[in-house]
Amino acid sequence: MIGPKVIASRLGLSVCLVLLATPVVAQTQDHAPVALPSGKAMTQDRPGSESWTYAQPTSRFVKYRTVIVDPTVVYQGADAQFEGIEPQDRQKFAGIITQELRSELAKTFPAPARAQADTLRLRVTILGAQGTKGGLATATRVTPLGFATSAVKSALGKRGTLTGSVLYSVEAFDAQTNELLLAAVRRRTPDPLDIPATLSTTDTVKAVARDFANSARRRLEELTNVGTQAR
């Protein structure tokens, strides 16, 4: 009969082998999403990256004081990158992002019932997602080697082992004129030390949504000067 110590030892060995043998797959693009209207306005932040950006001068943002968040859209373009994520799960993930973004932005920016002269409209589109290997991804964090590796990746801003990600675009428009003010494509993953985010793909998306919503609020505060003077 195999004892608990032997089982734990074998599990630790398996995790170590995964950490050492799993390749880092670079998710790169050579074009912005083809079916995203704002894609034609974006430029790539650096060659080989999945980061694309378009932005008008920051002076254009100072008049905005309220924000309307549209329901998150699931991208239907031929270059979508959902890699085995079922359609119903894509819709569920879209709802998670909408809820987190609305909740976080409400801390600083009221949401008017209808567009006003000082209203921004935000639209997020999920362009793709990679699933998390639930359980095994968690195991790679709880061994000494796994925790140390995750700590290094966290410090370097790198993706955790076997943890999924979300590829998305965010667009900001003048809510009355529909003029595009900002557009960006980004891939985001949870912090490698965020162990709850490794339990399932849904948990990964929740963590990504929280981080994205927080960073979006802070960035909008900087662009509009709303909320920054009180700090």
C-alpha atoms as a PDB file:
ATOM      1  CA  MET A   1       0.000   0.000   0.000  1.00  0.00           C
ATOM      2  CA  ILE A   2       1.355   3.413  -0.969  1.00  0.00           C
ATOM      3  CA  GLY A   3       1.586   5.772   1.978  1.00  0.00           C
ATOM      4  CA  PRO A   4       0.635   9.456   2.079  1.00  0.00           C
ATOM      5  CA  LYS A   5       4.277  10.556   2.065  1.00  0.00           C
ATOM      6  CA  VAL A   6       4.958   8.607  -1.127  1.00  0.00           C
ATOM      7  CA  ILE A   7       1.868  10.067  -2.807  1.00  0.00           C
ATOM      8  CA  ALA A   8       2.859  13.593  -1.765  1.00  0.00           C
ATOM      9  CA  SER A   9       6.392  12.979  -3.006  1.00  0.00           C
ATOM     10  CA  ARG A  10       5.150  11.774  -6.374  1.00  0.00           C
ATOM     11  CA  LEU A  11       2.775  14.726  -6.676  1.00  0.00           C
ATOM     12  CA  GLY A  12       5.633  17.084  -5.895  1.00  0.00           C
ATOM     13  CA  LEU A  13       7.795  15.376  -8.527  1.00  0.00           C
ATOM     14  CA  SER A  14       4.997  15.632 -11.114  1.00  0.00           C
ATOM     15  CA  VAL A  15       4.561  19.312 -10.393  1.00  0.00           C
ATOM     16  CA  CYS A  16       8.299  19.911 -10.694  1.00  0.00           C
ATOM     17  CA  LEU A  17       8.373  18.131 -14.060  1.00  0.00           C
ATOM     18  CA  VAL A  18       5.487  20.276 -15.289  1.00  0.00           C
ATOM     19  CA  LEU A  19       7.275  23.431 -14.180  1.00  0.00           C
ATOM     20  CA  LEU A  20      10.476  22.420 -15.916  1.00  0.00           C
ATOM     21  CA  ALA A  21       9.016  20.911 -19.079  1.00  0.00           C
ATOM     22  CA  THR A  22       6.044  23.127 -19.936  1.00  0.00           C
ATOM     23  CA  PRO A  23       7.037  25.503 -22.755  1.00  0.00           C
ATOM     24  CA  VAL A  24       6.148  29.171 -22.665  1.00  0.00           C
ATOM     25  CA  VAL A  25       3.867  29.673 -25.652  1.00  0.00           C
ATOM     26  CA  ALA A  26       4.027  33.199 -27.017  1.00  0.00           C
ATOM     27  CA  GLN A  27       0.613  34.460 -28.091  1.00  0.00           C
ATOM     28  CA  THR A  28       1.439  37.077 -30.701  1.00  0.00           C
ATOM     29  CA  GLN A  29      -0.425  38.738 -33.539  1.00  0.00           C
ATOM     30  CA  ASP A  30       0.666  40.540 -36.664  1.00  0.00           C
ATOM     31  CA  HIS A  31      -2.536  42.562 -36.952  1.00  0.00           C
ATOM     32  CA  ALA A  32      -5.216  44.129 -34.791  1.00  0.00           C
ATOM     33  CA  PRO A  33      -8.551  42.230 -34.666  1.00  0.00           C
ATOM     34  CA  VAL A  34      -9.878  42.371 -38.209  1.00  0.00           C
ATOM     35  CA  ALA A  35     -13.579  42.588 -37.310  1.00  0.00           C
ATOM     36  CA  LEU A  36     -13.106  45.276 -34.665  1.00  0.00           C
ATOM     37  CA  PRO A  37     -13.948  48.664 -36.230  1.00  0.00           C
ATOM     38  CA  SER A  38     -11.392  50.536 -34.124  1.00  0.00           C
ATOM     39  CA  GLY A  39      -8.697  48.029 -35.092  1.00  0.00           C
ATOM     40  CA  LYS A  40      -7.837  50.058 -38.172  1.00  0.00           C
ATOM     41  CA  ALA A  41      -6.973  53.040 -35.988  1.00  0.00           C
ATOM     42  CA  MET A  42      -4.642  51.125 -33.657  1.00  0.00           C
ATOM     43  CA  THR A  43      -0.910  50.697 -33.899  1.00  0.00           C
ATOM     44  CA  GLN A  44       1.100  47.883 -32.351  1.00  0.00           C
ATOM     45  CA  ASP A  45       2.878  48.875 -29.149  1.00  0.00           C
ATOM     46  CA  ARG A  46       5.917  46.737 -29.937  1.00  0.00           C
ATOM     47  CA  PRO A  47       6.672  44.160 -32.645  1.00  0.00           C
ATOM     48  CA  GLY A  48       5.347  40.672 -31.919  1.00  0.00           C
ATOM     49  CA  SER A  49       3.164  41.767 -29.003  1.00  0.00           C
ATOM     50  CA  GLU A  50      -0.595  41.471 -28.615  1.00  0.00           C
ATOM     51  CA  SER A  51      -0.833  45.058 -27.380  1.00  0.00           C
ATOM     52  CA  TRP A  52      -2.406  47.577 -29.750  1.00  0.00           C
ATOM     53  CA  THR A  53      -3.382  51.161 -28.912  1.00  0.00           C
ATOM     54  CA  TYR A  54      -5.105  54.234 -30.277  1.00  0.00           C
ATOM     55  CA  ALA A  55      -5.549  57.344 -28.152  1.00  0.00           C
ATOM     56  CA  GLN A  56      -6.433  60.961 -28.693  1.00  0.00           C
ATOM     57  CA  PRO A  57      -4.528  63.627 -26.706  1.00  0.00           C
ATOM     58  CA  THR A  58      -5.162  63.471 -22.964  1.00  0.00           C
ATOM     59  CA  SER A  59      -6.568  67.001 -23.054  1.00  0.00           C
ATOM     60  CA  ARG A  60      -9.641  65.573 -24.786  1.00  0.00           C
ATOM     61  CA  PHE A  61     -10.622  63.629 -21.654  1.00  0.00           C
ATOM     62  CA  VAL A  62     -10.741  66.357 -19.003  1.00  0.00           C
ATOM     63  CA  LYS A  63     -14.365  67.307 -19.645  1.00  0.00           C
ATOM     64  CA  TYR A  64     -15.752  63.864 -18.812  1.00  0.00           C
ATOM     65  CA  ARG A  65     -17.284  63.238 -15.399  1.00  0.00           C
ATOM     66  CA  THR A  66     -19.739  60.371 -15.971  1.00  0.00           C
ATOM     67  CA  VAL A  67     -19.375  56.959 -17.606  1.00  0.00           C
ATOM     68  CA  ILE A  68     -21.770  54.535 -19.269  1.00  0.00           C
ATOM     69  CA  VAL A  69     -20.481  50.960 -19.524  1.00  0.00           C
ATOM     70  CA  ASP A  70     -21.995  48.970 -22.381  1.00  0.00           C
ATOM     71  CA  PRO A  71     -22.553  45.224 -21.958  1.00  0.00           C
ATOM     72  CA  THR A  72     -19.362  43.367 -22.803  1.00  0.00           C
ATOM     73  CA  VAL A  73     -19.371  41.945 -26.328  1.00  0.00           C
ATOM     74  CA  VAL A  74     -18.108  38.493 -27.362  1.00  0.00           C
ATOM     75  CA  TYR A  75     -15.986  38.872 -30.490  1.00  0.00           C
ATOM     76  CA  GLN A  76     -17.235  36.967 -33.537  1.00  0.00           C
ATOM     77  CA  GLY A  77     -14.355  37.663 -35.937  1.00  0.00           C
ATOM     78  CA  ALA A  78     -12.542  34.897 -37.797  1.00  0.00           C
ATOM     79  CA  ASP A  79      -9.409  35.665 -35.768  1.00  0.00           C
ATOM     80  CA  ALA A  80     -11.083  35.123 -32.385  1.00  0.00           C
ATOM     81  CA  GLN A  81      -8.875  33.144 -29.979  1.00  0.00           C
ATOM     82  CA  PHE A  82     -11.125  31.160 -27.657  1.00  0.00           C
ATOM     83  CA  GLU A  83      -9.215  27.851 -27.843  1.00  0.00           C
ATOM     84  CA  GLY A  84     -11.934  25.425 -26.757  1.00  0.00           C
ATOM     85  CA  ILE A  85     -13.959  27.839 -24.610  1.00  0.00           C
ATOM     86  CA  GLU A  86     -17.652  27.003 -25.124  1.00  0.00           C
ATOM     87  CA  PRO A  87     -20.014  29.750 -26.411  1.00  0.00           C
ATOM     88  CA  GLN A  88     -22.085  29.731 -23.200  1.00  0.00           C
ATOM     89  CA  ASP A  89     -18.925  30.224 -21.143  1.00  0.00           C
ATOM     90  CA  ARG A  90     -17.879  33.138 -23.348  1.00  0.00           C
ATOM     91  CA  GLN A  91     -21.181  34.852 -22.588  1.00  0.00           C
ATOM     92  CA  LYS A  92     -20.767  34.114 -18.884  1.00  0.00           C
ATOM     93  CA  PHE A  93     -17.289  35.636 -18.902  1.00  0.00           C
ATOM     94  CA  ALA A  94     -18.628  38.719 -20.690  1.00  0.00           C
ATOM     95  CA  GLY A  95     -21.177  39.187 -17.916  1.00  0.00           C
ATOM     96  CA  ILE A  96     -18.486  38.887 -15.244  1.00  0.00           C
ATOM     97  CA  ILE A  97     -16.410  41.626 -16.884  1.00  0.00           C
ATOM     98  CA  THR A  98     -19.415  43.950 -17.274  1.00  0.00           C
ATOM     99  CA  GLN A  99     -20.398  43.560 -13.622  1.00  0.00           C
ATOM    100  CA  GLU A 100     -16.888  44.148 -12.291  1.00  0.00           C
ATOM    101  CA  LEU A 101     -16.274  47.177 -14.520  1.00  0.00           C
ATOM    102  CA  ARG A 102     -19.560  48.854 -13.667  1.00  0.00           C
ATOM    103  CA  SER A 103     -19.086  48.232  -9.961  1.00  0.00           C
ATOM    104  CA  GLU A 104     -15.521  49.553  -9.896  1.00  0.00           C
ATOM    105  CA  LEU A 105     -16.086  52.644 -12.050  1.00  0.00           C
ATOM    106  CA  ALA A 106     -19.108  53.617  -9.938  1.00  0.00           C
ATOM    107  CA  LYS A 107     -16.674  54.369  -7.112  1.00  0.00           C
ATOM    108  CA  THR A 108     -15.570  57.481  -9.020  1.00  0.00           C
ATOM    109  CA  PHE A 109     -17.813  58.029 -12.039  1.00  0.00           C
ATOM    110  CA  PRO A 110     -21.627  58.195 -11.831  1.00  0.00           C
ATOM    111  CA  ALA A 111     -23.556  56.368 -14.542  1.00  0.00           C
ATOM    112  CA  PRO A 112     -26.226  58.698 -15.966  1.00  0.00           C
ATOM    113  CA  ALA A 113     -29.562  57.393 -17.213  1.00  0.00           C
ATOM    114  CA  ARG A 114     -28.823  58.951 -20.592  1.00  0.00           C
ATOM    115  CA  ALA A 115     -25.773  60.392 -22.309  1.00  0.00           C
ATOM    116  CA  GLN A 116     -24.748  63.899 -21.302  1.00  0.00           C
ATOM    117  CA  ALA A 117     -22.111  66.319 -22.597  1.00  0.00           C
ATOM    118  CA  ASP A 118     -19.680  65.012 -19.962  1.00  0.00           C
ATOM    119  CA  THR A 119     -20.335  61.286 -20.510  1.00  0.00           C
ATOM    120  CA  LEU A 120     -17.873  58.685 -21.741  1.00  0.00           C
ATOM    121  CA  ARG A 121     -19.134  55.375 -23.084  1.00  0.00           C
ATOM    122  CA  LEU A 122     -16.945  52.305 -22.576  1.00  0.00           C
ATOM    123  CA  ARG A 123     -17.245  49.116 -24.559  1.00  0.00           C
ATOM    124  CA  VAL A 124     -15.253  45.980 -23.800  1.00  0.00           C
ATOM    125  CA  THR A 125     -14.998  43.114 -26.272  1.00  0.00           C
ATOM    126  CA  ILE A 126     -13.676  39.681 -25.324  1.00  0.00           C
ATOM    127  CA  LEU A 127     -11.442  38.702 -28.238  1.00  0.00           C
ATOM    128  CA  GLY A 128     -10.307  35.376 -26.844  1.00  0.00           C
ATOM    129  CA  ALA A 129      -9.551  33.338 -23.755  1.00  0.00           C
ATOM    130  CA  GLN A 130      -7.303  30.491 -22.688  1.00  0.00           C
ATOM    131  CA  GLY A 131      -8.495  27.963 -20.141  1.00  0.00           C
ATOM    132  CA  THR A 132      -6.896  27.296 -16.772  1.00  0.00           C
ATOM    133  CA  LYS A 133      -5.838  23.745 -15.926  1.00  0.00           C
ATOM    134  CA  GLY A 134      -7.775  23.662 -12.649  1.00  0.00           C
ATOM    135  CA  GLY A 135      -6.144  21.725  -9.823  1.00  0.00           C
ATOM    136  CA  LEU A 136      -2.831  21.198 -11.602  1.00  0.00           C
ATOM    137  CA  ALA A 137      -2.345  24.953 -11.951  1.00  0.00           C
ATOM    138  CA  THR A 138      -3.009  25.249  -8.215  1.00  0.00           C
ATOM    139  CA  ALA A 139      -0.572  22.445  -7.443  1.00  0.00           C
ATOM    140  CA  THR A 140       2.204  24.287  -9.259  1.00  0.00           C
ATOM    141  CA  ARG A 141       1.850  27.123  -6.719  1.00  0.00           C
ATOM    142  CA  VAL A 142       1.835  25.175  -3.444  1.00  0.00           C
ATOM    143  CA  THR A 143       5.128  23.272  -3.712  1.00  0.00           C
ATOM    144  CA  PRO A 144       8.289  25.140  -2.621  1.00  0.00           C
ATOM    145  CA  LEU A 145       9.647  25.156  -6.174  1.00  0.00           C
ATOM    146  CA  GLY A 146       6.276  26.195  -7.582  1.00  0.00           C
ATOM    147  CA  PHE A 147       5.851  29.027  -5.123  1.00  0.00           C
ATOM    148  CA  ALA A 148       9.353  30.306  -5.786  1.00  0.00           C
ATOM    149  CA  THR A 149       8.803  30.155  -9.543  1.00  0.00           C
ATOM    150  CA  SER A 150       5.467  31.970  -9.191  1.00  0.00           C
ATOM    151  CA  ALA A 151       7.080  34.654  -7.050  1.00  0.00           C
ATOM    152  CA  VAL A 152       9.698  35.304  -9.738  1.00  0.00           C
ATOM    153  CA  LYS A 153       7.043  35.435 -12.457  1.00  0.00           C
ATOM    154  CA  SER A 154       4.945  37.810 -10.344  1.00  0.00           C
ATOM    155  CA  ALA A 155       7.911  40.147  -9.894  1.00  0.00           C
ATOM    156  CA  LEU A 156       8.590  40.074 -13.632  1.00  0.00           C
ATOM    157  CA  GLY A 157       4.923  40.503 -14.596  1.00  0.00           C
ATOM    158  CA  LYS A 158       4.810  37.121 -16.345  1.00  0.00           C
ATOM    159  CA  ARG A 159       2.012  34.592 -16.659  1.00  0.00           C
ATOM    160  CA  GLY A 160       1.626  31.789 -14.115  1.00  0.00           C
ATOM    161  CA  THR A 161       2.111  28.148 -15.102  1.00  0.00           C
ATOM    162  CA  LEU A 162      -1.009  26.478 -16.590  1.00  0.00           C
ATOM    163  CA  THR A 163      -3.116  29.555 -15.826  1.00  0.00           C
ATOM    164  CA  GLY A 164      -5.446  30.951 -18.469  1.00  0.00           C
ATOM    165  CA  SER A 165      -5.792  34.479 -19.782  1.00  0.00           C
ATOM    166  CA  VAL A 166      -8.251  36.855 -21.417  1.00  0.00           C
ATOM    167  CA  LEU A 167      -7.606  38.767 -24.631  1.00  0.00           C
ATOM    168  CA  TYR A 168      -9.844  41.816 -24.824  1.00  0.00           C
ATOM    169  CA  SER A 169     -10.299  45.253 -26.315  1.00  0.00           C
ATOM    170  CA  VAL A 170     -11.558  48.358 -24.551  1.00  0.00           C
ATOM    171  CA  GLU A 171     -12.913  51.351 -26.433  1.00  0.00           C
ATOM    172  CA  ALA A 172     -13.897  54.771 -25.106  1.00  0.00           C
ATOM    173  CA  PHE A 173     -16.296  56.997 -27.017  1.00  0.00           C
ATOM    174  CA  ASP A 174     -17.914  60.366 -26.512  1.00  0.00           C
ATOM    175  CA  ALA A 175     -21.360  59.147 -25.488  1.00  0.00           C
ATOM    176  CA  GLN A 176     -23.205  61.861 -27.439  1.00  0.00           C
ATOM    177  CA  THR A 177     -21.200  62.048 -30.663  1.00  0.00           C
ATOM    178  CA  ASN A 178     -19.859  58.450 -30.691  1.00  0.00           C
ATOM    179  CA  GLU A 179     -16.373  59.795 -31.485  1.00  0.00           C
ATOM    180  CA  LEU A 180     -13.655  57.264 -30.710  1.00  0.00           C
ATOM    181  CA  LEU A 181     -11.291  58.644 -28.068  1.00  0.00           C
ATOM    182  CA  LEU A 182      -9.315  55.584 -27.025  1.00  0.00           C
ATOM    183  CA  ALA A 183      -8.977  51.958 -28.069  1.00  0.00           C
ATOM    184  CA  ALA A 184      -6.643  49.240 -26.843  1.00  0.00           C
ATOM    185  CA  VAL A 185      -6.113  45.504 -27.147  1.00  0.00           C
ATOM    186  CA  ARG A 186      -4.509  43.684 -24.250  1.00  0.00           C
ATOM    187  CA  ARG A 187      -4.035  40.158 -22.929  1.00  0.00           C
ATOM    188  CA  ARG A 188      -4.313  39.927 -19.173  1.00  0.00           C
ATOM    189  CA  THR A 189      -3.583  37.085 -16.753  1.00  0.00           C
ATOM    190  CA  PRO A 190      -3.933  36.877 -12.966  1.00  0.00           C
ATOM    191  CA  ASP A 191      -0.903  37.477 -10.794  1.00  0.00           C
ATOM    192  CA  PRO A 192       1.006  34.163 -10.529  1.00  0.00           C
ATOM    193  CA  LEU A 193       0.677  34.328  -6.723  1.00  0.00           C
ATOM    194  CA  ASP A 194      -3.135  34.640  -6.910  1.00  0.00           C
ATOM    195  CA  ILE A 195      -3.845  31.016  -5.965  1.00  0.00           C
ATOM    196  CA  PRO A 196      -7.700  31.278  -5.978  1.00  0.00           C
ATOM    197  CA  ALA A 197      -7.487  32.376  -9.628  1.00  0.00           C
ATOM    198  CA  THR A 198      -5.964  28.969 -10.523  1.00  0.00           C
ATOM    199  CA  LEU A 199      -8.941  26.873  -9.391  1.00  0.00           C
ATOM    200  CA  SER A 200     -10.873  27.153 -12.669  1.00  0.00           C
ATOM    201  CA  THR A 201     -11.137  29.221 -15.837  1.00  0.00           C
ATOM    202  CA  THR A 202     -14.089  31.091 -14.316  1.00  0.00           C
ATOM    203  CA  ASP A 203     -11.973  32.007 -11.301  1.00  0.00           C
ATOM    204  CA  THR A 204      -9.233  33.163 -13.658  1.00  0.00           C
ATOM    205  CA  VAL A 205     -11.674  35.404 -15.531  1.00  0.00           C
ATOM    206  CA  LYS A 206     -13.006  36.834 -12.254  1.00  0.00           C
ATOM    207  CA  ALA A 207      -9.469  37.739 -11.185  1.00  0.00           C
ATOM    208  CA  VAL A 208      -8.702  39.277 -14.577  1.00  0.00           C
ATOM    209  CA  ALA A 209     -11.969  41.253 -14.478  1.00  0.00           C
ATOM    210  CA  ARG A 210     -11.176  42.653 -11.022  1.00  0.00           C
ATOM    211  CA  ASP A 211      -7.659  43.687 -12.019  1.00  0.00           C
ATOM    212  CA  PHE A 212      -8.816  45.183 -15.311  1.00  0.00           C
ATOM    213  CA  ALA A 213     -11.664  47.124 -13.691  1.00  0.00           C
ATOM    214  CA  ASN A 214      -9.347  48.557 -11.064  1.00  0.00           C
ATOM    215  CA  SER A 215      -6.738  49.607 -13.609  1.00  0.00           C
ATOM    216  CA  ALA A 216      -9.438  51.091 -15.878  1.00  0.00           C
ATOM    217  CA  ARG A 217     -10.796  53.209 -13.036  1.00  0.00           C
ATOM    218  CA  ARG A 218      -7.353  54.487 -12.108  1.00  0.00           C
ATOM    219  CA  ARG A 219      -6.470  55.259 -15.718  1.00  0.00           C
ATOM    220  CA  LEU A 220      -9.708  57.162 -16.276  1.00  0.00           C
ATOM    221  CA  GLU A 221      -9.109  59.114 -13.074  1.00  0.00           C
ATOM    222  CA  GLU A 222      -5.719  60.143 -14.434  1.00  0.00           C
ATOM    223  CA  LEU A 223      -7.071  61.125 -17.850  1.00  0.00           C
ATOM    224  CA  THR A 224     -10.026  63.113 -16.494  1.00  0.00           C
ATOM    225  CA  ASN A 225      -8.438  64.401 -13.262  1.00  0.00           C
ATOM    226  CA  VAL A 226     -11.493  63.125 -11.434  1.00  0.00           C
ATOM    227  CA  GLY A 227     -10.810  61.858  -7.930  1.00  0.00           C
ATOM    228  CA  THR A 228      -7.062  62.499  -8.052  1.00  0.00           C
ATOM    229  CA  GLN A 229      -7.160  65.901  -6.367  1.00  0.00           C
ATOM    230  CA  ALA A 230      -8.752  64.484  -3.238  1.00  0.00           C
ATOM    231  CA  ARG A 231      -5.834  62.101  -2.630  1.00  0.00           C
END
